[in-house]
Protein backbone atom coordinates (compact mmCIF):
# COMPACT_ATOMS: atom_id res chain seq x y z
CA UNK A 1 -13.62 -25.11 5.59
CA UNK A 2 -14.12 -25.57 9.39
CA UNK A 3 -17.74 -27.98 10.03
CA UNK A 4 -18.68 -25.07 12.59
CA UNK A 5 -18.81 -21.13 12.11
CA UNK A 6 -15.49 -19.71 13.81
CA UNK A 7 -14.43 -16.45 14.29
CA UNK A 8 -13.04 -14.82 11.24
CA UNK A 9 -8.78 -12.68 11.90
CA UNK A 10 -9.68 -9.87 9.51
CA UNK A 11 -5.75 -9.47 8.84
CA UNK A 12 -6.15 -13.42 7.18
CA UNK A 13 -9.58 -12.58 5.67
CA UNK A 14 -11.17 -16.37 7.54
CA UNK A 15 -11.47 -17.86 10.51
CA UNK A 16 -8.33 -18.69 13.24
CA UNK A 17 -6.05 -21.32 12.66
CA UNK A 18 -6.22 -24.73 14.18
CA UNK A 19 -6.91 -24.93 17.56
CA UNK A 20 -6.90 -20.50 18.10
CA UNK A 21 -10.32 -21.01 16.03
CA UNK A 22 -12.61 -23.44 18.17
CA UNK A 23 -10.22 -21.28 21.30
CA UNK A 24 -11.57 -18.10 19.71
CA UNK A 25 -14.98 -19.31 19.09
CA UNK A 26 -15.62 -20.44 22.95
CA UNK A 27 -13.04 -18.82 24.82
CA UNK A 28 -14.31 -20.29 28.77
CA UNK A 29 -12.89 -23.30 27.41
CA UNK A 30 -9.69 -22.13 26.30
CA UNK A 31 -8.76 -20.70 29.61
CA UNK A 32 -8.58 -23.97 31.17
CA UNK A 33 -6.71 -25.77 28.14
CA UNK A 34 -4.53 -22.44 28.11
CA UNK A 35 -3.48 -22.94 31.30
CA UNK A 36 -2.48 -26.67 31.43
CA UNK A 37 -0.12 -26.65 28.95
CA UNK A 38 1.36 -23.71 29.79
CA UNK A 39 1.92 -25.44 33.12
CA UNK A 40 3.18 -28.36 31.23
CA UNK A 41 4.77 -27.01 28.68
CA UNK A 42 6.57 -24.14 30.30
CA UNK A 43 6.17 -24.19 34.20
CA UNK A 44 8.91 -25.43 36.44
CA UNK A 45 10.61 -28.77 35.47
CA UNK A 46 13.79 -31.23 35.21
CA UNK A 47 12.80 -30.68 31.23
CA UNK A 48 13.74 -28.34 29.04
CA UNK A 49 10.94 -26.45 27.34
CA UNK A 50 12.57 -27.52 24.22
CA UNK A 51 12.48 -31.38 25.18
CA UNK A 52 8.82 -30.33 26.55
CA UNK A 53 7.96 -29.74 22.99
CA UNK A 54 9.42 -32.20 21.42
CA UNK A 55 7.02 -34.53 23.05
CA UNK A 56 3.79 -32.58 21.85
CA UNK A 57 5.81 -32.24 18.82
CA UNK A 58 6.23 -36.49 18.53
CA UNK A 59 2.40 -37.03 19.91
CA UNK A 60 0.66 -34.82 17.21
CA UNK A 61 2.75 -35.95 14.45
CA UNK A 62 1.79 -39.62 15.49
CA UNK A 63 -1.90 -38.41 15.69
CA UNK A 64 -1.68 -37.04 12.17
CA UNK A 65 -2.81 -33.77 13.09
CA UNK A 66 -0.42 -31.07 11.00
CA UNK A 67 -1.41 -27.82 12.20
CA UNK A 68 -0.15 -28.97 16.19
CA UNK A 69 2.64 -31.22 15.29
CA UNK A 70 4.00 -27.99 13.27
CA UNK A 71 3.43 -25.57 15.66
CA UNK A 72 4.50 -27.28 18.54
CA UNK A 73 7.32 -28.33 16.09
CA UNK A 74 8.24 -24.54 15.35
CA UNK A 75 8.07 -24.07 19.10
CA UNK A 76 10.26 -26.35 19.92
CA UNK A 77 12.88 -25.58 17.42
CA UNK A 78 12.29 -21.96 18.76
CA UNK A 79 13.94 -23.30 21.74
CA UNK A 80 16.80 -25.73 20.75
CA UNK A 81 19.07 -23.82 18.55
CA UNK A 82 16.60 -23.49 15.48
CA UNK A 83 17.04 -26.96 15.13
CA UNK A 84 14.31 -27.98 12.45
CA UNK A 85 15.66 -31.16 11.65
CA UNK A 86 16.58 -32.42 15.17
CA UNK A 87 12.82 -32.04 14.97
CA UNK A 88 12.28 -34.03 12.37
CA UNK A 89 13.55 -36.78 13.03
CA UNK A 90 11.90 -36.82 16.69
CA UNK A 91 8.42 -36.82 14.55
CA UNK A 92 9.31 -39.53 11.68
CA UNK A 93 12.77 -41.55 13.26
CA UNK A 94 12.54 -40.69 16.99
CA UNK A 95 14.61 -43.38 17.98
CA UNK A 96 17.94 -42.64 15.61
CA UNK A 97 17.06 -39.05 16.45
CA UNK A 98 19.97 -37.28 17.95
CA UNK A 99 18.34 -36.96 21.66
CA UNK A 100 19.59 -38.35 25.43
CA UNK A 101 18.79 -42.20 25.75
CA UNK A 102 16.15 -40.92 28.56
CA UNK A 103 14.44 -38.45 26.05
CA UNK A 104 13.99 -41.98 23.84
CA UNK A 105 12.36 -43.60 26.62
CA UNK A 106 10.04 -40.93 27.50
CA UNK A 107 8.74 -40.77 23.88
CA UNK A 108 8.13 -44.66 23.88
CA UNK A 109 6.13 -43.82 26.73
CA UNK A 110 4.20 -40.16 25.10
CA UNK A 111 3.73 -43.13 22.13
CA UNK A 112 2.11 -45.14 24.08
CA UNK A 113 0.11 -43.29 25.21
CA UNK A 114 -0.63 -41.92 21.81
CA UNK A 115 -2.03 -45.12 21.28
CA UNK A 116 -4.17 -45.45 24.97
CA UNK A 117 -3.18 -45.41 27.99
CA UNK A 118 -3.00 -48.66 28.72
CA UNK A 119 -0.54 -50.04 26.27
CA UNK A 120 1.88 -48.30 28.48
CA UNK A 121 3.88 -50.59 30.54
CA UNK A 122 5.92 -51.43 33.44
CA UNK A 123 8.68 -52.24 31.15
CA UNK A 124 8.13 -48.94 29.81
CA UNK A 125 8.16 -47.24 32.71
CA UNK A 126 11.43 -49.46 34.27
CA UNK A 127 13.20 -48.41 31.71
CA UNK A 128 12.40 -44.77 31.99
CA UNK A 129 13.82 -44.89 35.43
CA UNK A 130 17.39 -46.52 34.45
CA UNK A 131 17.98 -44.22 32.26
CA UNK A 132 17.13 -41.61 34.85
CA UNK A 133 13.37 -40.31 34.32
CA UNK A 134 11.55 -38.89 37.46
CA UNK A 135 8.33 -39.62 38.52
CA UNK A 136 7.52 -35.86 37.81
CA UNK A 137 9.10 -36.42 34.29
CA UNK A 138 7.34 -39.97 33.79
CA UNK A 139 3.67 -38.10 34.70
CA UNK A 140 4.13 -35.03 32.77
CA UNK A 141 5.25 -37.19 30.05
CA UNK A 142 2.21 -39.09 30.26
CA UNK A 143 0.09 -35.99 30.69
CA UNK A 144 1.61 -34.16 27.98
CA UNK A 145 0.61 -37.12 25.31
CA UNK A 146 -2.72 -37.04 26.78
CA UNK A 147 -3.88 -33.77 26.68
CA UNK A 148 -2.37 -33.29 23.21
CA UNK A 149 -4.38 -36.07 21.77
CA UNK A 150 -6.65 -34.92 23.52
CA UNK A 151 -5.80 -30.85 21.53
CA UNK A 152 -5.41 -32.89 18.32
CA UNK A 153 -8.17 -34.41 18.21
CA UNK A 154 -10.17 -31.10 18.85
CA UNK A 155 -8.38 -29.75 15.99
CA UNK A 156 -8.91 -32.01 13.61
CA UNK A 157 -12.60 -33.24 14.53
CA UNK A 158 -13.30 -29.53 13.62
CA UNK A 159 -11.59 -29.40 10.59
CA UNK A 160 -9.83 -26.11 11.10
CA UNK A 161 -7.42 -25.23 8.76
CA UNK A 162 -3.52 -25.01 8.98
CA UNK A 163 -1.32 -22.63 6.89
CA UNK A 164 1.31 -24.35 4.98
CA UNK A 165 3.78 -21.39 5.25
CA UNK A 166 6.39 -22.76 7.51
CA UNK A 167 7.21 -18.67 8.44
CA UNK A 168 3.69 -18.08 10.05
CA UNK A 169 4.35 -21.14 12.18
CA UNK A 170 8.28 -19.80 12.97
CA UNK A 171 6.37 -16.11 13.87
CA UNK A 172 3.48 -17.68 15.92
CA UNK A 173 6.82 -19.99 17.63
CA UNK A 174 8.43 -16.64 18.27
CA UNK A 175 5.57 -15.15 19.86
CA UNK A 176 4.68 -18.27 22.01
CA UNK A 177 8.36 -18.95 23.14
CA UNK A 178 8.02 -15.48 24.11
CA UNK A 179 4.60 -14.80 25.55
CA UNK A 180 3.18 -17.75 26.03
CA UNK A 181 -0.02 -19.68 24.79
CA UNK A 182 -2.64 -17.81 26.42
CA UNK A 183 -1.63 -14.64 25.33
CA UNK A 184 -1.95 -15.95 21.31
CA UNK A 185 -5.50 -16.71 22.03
CA UNK A 186 -6.35 -13.65 24.41
CA UNK A 187 -5.07 -11.72 21.67
CA UNK A 188 -6.65 -13.60 19.32
CA UNK A 189 -10.14 -13.15 21.19
CA UNK A 190 -9.38 -10.08 21.33
CA UNK A 191 -9.63 -9.50 17.17
CA UNK A 192 -12.39 -11.87 16.27
CA UNK A 193 -14.86 -11.37 14.30
CA UNK A 194 -17.96 -13.24 14.37
């Protein structure tokens, strides 16, 4: 049970799960968060959408946020050939995951940001650059890690619930891949009851 009274999703018979609950509670704060997440994870980039979702998933896993690591993991898998094993390995053993050395260097930076911004070192940045990371990719990795650390704390700080049914996450991931993050929250807000 969430610490505050959140809008109820009629089809679920309870409040909306994860970040969708607080976002339907206060849509005016949801809009800028969704806009930023859409830019970072779906906007123009030399990193694929799947790679950017892996960064969000990895940070959410490190923050032990079940909802965020599961939904973003499902979105990552949907954009990476439905490879859920790859997503799991990026969460739990990223250094040995079947990803490029550049992605490993970016995940290292993301993990350091998750610990705290001052944990990122010049050596971390230099290593990523040597493996081909651009300034934009480094910038976006740091910002994705920072934004998802905030979102993880938002979700868990209000004690929102996270469904255990993976099919629910897969279905929501398909909607996100198709329509983006804002559309999901807007749809939930339209169907919320208080």
